Amino acid sequence: MNLYIRFFLNIIKNLFFRKPMSVKDTSVIKLRVLPNDLDLNMHMNNGRYPTVMDIGRTEYTIRLGLHKVIMKEKLGAVAAGVNISFLKPLNLFASYELHTKVISWDNMWFYIEQQFVKDGLIMAHAIAKVTFLKGRKKVSPDFVLSKLGEPIEKPEMPNYLKELIHGEKEMINLVREHNRKIKN
């Protein structure tokens, strides 16, 4: 229940009280580790991070004005993959920031970097692979961004992201081959 409260408070705050931002900007939201975020080791559960990241991406979407594009174009947002590295634990009642920004995109996917930051230290780092759907069809990031009304130049894709994408494609091909064998 607590995550619904955080989620809706975040939406209200961003719709009415925070200024819009550009795709090139980084959004920062301040959060705190609550008792229901903990695992048996008494630090934030690794399953909680992706849920909190959803809140960060929603905040980013609203501040960009993409929520209007989503409603007007009847789009749905889908996260198809998340790669997280946990570097240091976030303990009970620790305050931290979630930094969210688009680092690049290709013909089908946005790659969104999210960092959990405490006292300037990156506690966890993640890359989310996100797209928009119109019905069942993927919509290109260029189409979505064109609806924002500002010229946006695609940032150079960092090497670590290129390697992550390549590795993911290899893994998906292995899984698909395995599934084909099982079906036959």
Protein backbone atom coordinates (compact mmCIF):
# COMPACT_ATOMS: atom_id res chain seq x y z
CA MET A 1 0.00 0.00 0.00
CA ASN A 2 2.83 2.37 0.87
CA LEU A 3 4.15 2.29 -2.70
CA TYR A 4 0.75 3.35 -4.03
CA ILE A 5 0.83 6.29 -1.64
CA ARG A 6 4.38 7.23 -2.76
CA PHE A 7 3.37 6.77 -6.39
CA PHE A 8 0.25 8.98 -6.23
CA LEU A 9 1.89 11.64 -4.07
CA ASN A 10 4.68 11.79 -6.63
CA ILE A 11 2.20 12.21 -9.50
CA ILE A 12 0.33 15.01 -7.71
CA LYS A 13 3.57 16.77 -6.75
CA ASN A 14 4.86 16.63 -10.31
CA LEU A 15 1.64 17.64 -12.01
CA PHE A 16 1.12 20.70 -9.83
CA PHE A 17 4.28 21.72 -8.00
CA ARG A 18 7.41 20.89 -9.99
CA LYS A 19 8.62 22.69 -13.07
CA PRO A 20 8.81 20.96 -16.46
CA MET A 21 12.14 19.71 -17.70
CA SER A 22 13.92 18.77 -20.92
CA VAL A 23 14.91 15.29 -22.13
CA LYS A 24 18.53 16.27 -21.51
CA ASP A 25 17.86 16.96 -17.82
CA THR A 26 18.15 14.58 -14.89
CA SER A 27 15.21 14.29 -12.53
CA VAL A 28 15.95 13.87 -8.84
CA ILE A 29 13.44 12.70 -6.27
CA LYS A 30 14.13 12.42 -2.55
CA LEU A 31 13.04 9.22 -0.83
CA ARG A 32 13.56 7.32 2.41
CA VAL A 33 13.92 3.60 3.16
CA LEU A 34 10.81 2.58 5.10
CA PRO A 35 10.23 -0.61 7.13
CA ASN A 36 8.21 -2.25 4.34
CA ASP A 37 11.17 -1.74 1.95
CA LEU A 38 13.43 -4.04 3.98
CA ASP A 39 14.57 -7.61 3.49
CA LEU A 40 15.77 -10.02 6.19
CA ASN A 41 19.20 -8.32 6.19
CA MET A 42 17.50 -5.09 7.30
CA HIS A 43 18.39 -3.13 4.18
CA MET A 44 16.32 -2.25 1.12
CA ASN A 45 15.18 -5.41 -0.62
CA ASN A 46 16.61 -5.90 -4.12
CA GLY A 47 13.06 -6.41 -5.39
CA ARG A 48 12.05 -2.96 -4.14
CA TYR A 49 14.55 -1.11 -6.35
CA PRO A 50 12.70 -1.75 -9.67
CA THR A 51 9.41 -0.64 -8.09
CA VAL A 52 10.96 2.59 -6.84
CA MET A 53 12.49 3.04 -10.30
CA ASP A 54 8.95 2.96 -11.75
CA ILE A 55 8.14 5.96 -9.57
CA GLY A 56 11.24 7.76 -10.88
CA ARG A 57 10.39 7.04 -14.52
CA THR A 58 6.80 8.20 -13.96
CA GLU A 59 8.07 11.44 -12.42
CA TYR A 60 10.42 11.93 -15.37
CA THR A 61 7.60 11.25 -17.85
CA ILE A 62 5.32 13.83 -16.22
CA ARG A 63 7.98 16.52 -16.00
CA LEU A 64 8.86 16.01 -19.68
CA GLY A 65 5.20 16.38 -20.62
CA LEU A 66 5.16 12.86 -22.05
CA HIS A 67 2.03 12.02 -20.07
CA LYS A 68 0.13 14.37 -22.41
CA VAL A 69 1.62 12.64 -25.47
CA ILE A 70 0.72 9.25 -23.99
CA MET A 71 -2.91 10.28 -23.49
CA LYS A 72 -3.26 12.09 -26.83
CA GLU A 73 -1.63 9.31 -28.88
CA LYS A 74 -3.14 6.50 -26.75
CA LEU A 75 0.25 5.00 -25.95
CA GLY A 76 1.29 2.55 -23.29
CA ALA A 77 4.74 2.52 -21.70
CA VAL A 78 6.54 -0.80 -21.28
CA ALA A 79 9.82 -1.63 -19.53
CA ALA A 80 11.27 -4.65 -21.33
CA GLY A 81 14.44 -5.04 -19.32
CA VAL A 82 16.26 -3.68 -16.31
CA ASN A 83 19.91 -4.23 -15.44
CA ILE A 84 20.79 -3.29 -11.85
CA SER A 85 24.11 -3.27 -10.03
CA PHE A 86 23.83 -3.10 -6.24
CA LEU A 87 26.93 -1.40 -4.90
CA LYS A 88 26.13 -0.49 -1.27
CA PRO A 89 23.08 -1.20 0.91
CA LEU A 90 20.43 1.35 1.78
CA ASN A 91 19.53 0.84 5.44
CA LEU A 92 16.34 1.53 7.38
CA PHE A 93 15.29 5.20 7.36
CA ALA A 94 18.21 6.20 5.14
CA SER A 95 17.33 9.16 2.96
CA TYR A 96 18.47 8.88 -0.64
CA GLU A 97 17.85 10.37 -4.05
CA LEU A 98 16.77 8.62 -7.20
CA HIS A 99 18.34 10.21 -10.29
CA THR A 100 16.66 9.42 -13.62
CA LYS A 101 17.72 10.42 -17.13
CA VAL A 102 17.58 9.17 -20.70
CA ILE A 103 21.10 8.30 -21.79
CA SER A 104 20.29 7.37 -25.39
CA TRP A 105 17.86 5.59 -27.68
CA ASP A 106 17.81 3.53 -30.83
CA ASN A 107 15.05 2.85 -33.36
CA MET A 108 12.80 1.07 -30.80
CA TRP A 109 14.06 1.61 -27.25
CA PHE A 110 14.82 4.36 -24.79
CA TYR A 111 17.68 3.54 -22.42
CA ILE A 112 17.10 5.19 -19.07
CA GLU A 113 19.78 5.42 -16.42
CA GLN A 114 18.67 5.44 -12.80
CA GLN A 115 20.93 5.85 -9.81
CA PHE A 116 20.19 5.51 -6.11
CA VAL A 117 22.39 8.16 -4.49
CA LYS A 118 23.09 8.69 -0.79
CA ASP A 119 25.41 11.47 0.38
CA GLY A 120 26.80 11.76 -3.16
CA LEU A 121 27.65 8.04 -3.38
CA ILE A 122 25.96 5.83 -5.96
CA MET A 123 24.45 2.97 -3.97
CA ALA A 124 22.85 1.22 -6.95
CA HIS A 125 22.98 1.84 -10.69
CA ALA A 126 20.44 0.66 -13.25
CA ILE A 127 19.65 0.85 -16.94
CA ALA A 128 16.01 0.38 -17.95
CA LYS A 129 15.07 -0.47 -21.53
CA VAL A 130 11.72 1.17 -22.23
CA THR A 131 9.43 1.59 -25.22
CA PHE A 132 5.96 2.88 -26.00
CA LEU A 133 3.21 0.86 -27.61
CA LYS A 134 0.26 1.93 -29.71
CA GLY A 135 -1.98 -1.08 -29.50
CA ARG A 136 0.49 -3.94 -29.88
CA LYS A 137 2.94 -2.07 -32.11
CA LYS A 138 6.12 -0.46 -30.79
CA VAL A 139 6.42 3.26 -31.45
CA SER A 140 9.86 4.66 -32.20
CA PRO A 141 11.47 7.02 -29.69
CA ASP A 142 11.90 9.59 -32.48
CA PHE A 143 8.11 9.66 -32.98
CA VAL A 144 7.48 10.07 -29.25
CA LEU A 145 10.09 12.80 -28.87
CA SER A 146 8.82 14.67 -31.94
CA LYS A 147 5.53 15.15 -30.09
CA LEU A 148 7.28 17.10 -27.31
CA GLY A 149 7.78 20.04 -29.68
CA GLU A 150 11.47 20.63 -28.96
CA PRO A 151 14.35 19.63 -31.23
CA ILE A 152 16.22 16.81 -29.52
CA GLU A 153 19.55 15.50 -30.69
CA LYS A 154 20.21 11.89 -29.80
CA PRO A 155 23.11 11.57 -27.33
CA GLU A 156 26.05 9.37 -28.29
CA MET A 157 25.51 5.89 -26.91
CA PRO A 158 28.21 5.07 -24.33
CA ASN A 159 30.32 1.94 -24.91
CA TYR A 160 29.07 0.24 -21.74
CA LEU A 161 25.51 0.58 -23.04
CA LYS A 162 26.45 -0.79 -26.47
CA GLU A 163 28.05 -3.80 -24.78
CA LEU A 164 25.03 -4.29 -22.50
CA ILE A 165 22.68 -4.23 -25.51
CA HIS A 166 24.89 -6.68 -27.41
CA GLY A 167 25.04 -9.06 -24.44
CA GLU A 168 21.29 -8.89 -23.96
CA LYS A 169 20.70 -9.75 -27.63
CA GLU A 170 22.97 -12.80 -27.32
CA MET A 171 21.15 -13.94 -24.18
CA ILE A 172 17.70 -13.45 -25.75
CA ASN A 173 18.77 -15.44 -28.82
CA LEU A 174 19.91 -18.31 -26.56
CA VAL A 175 16.58 -18.26 -24.69
CA ARG A 176 14.60 -18.19 -27.93
CA GLU A 177 16.60 -21.11 -29.32
CA HIS A 178 15.98 -23.07 -26.12
CA ASN A 179 12.24 -22.32 -26.31
CA ARG A 180 12.10 -23.38 -29.97
CA LYS A 181 13.65 -26.74 -29.04
CA ILE A 182 11.13 -27.24 -26.23
CA LYS A 183 8.15 -26.43 -28.48
CA ASN A 184 9.27 -28.89 -31.21
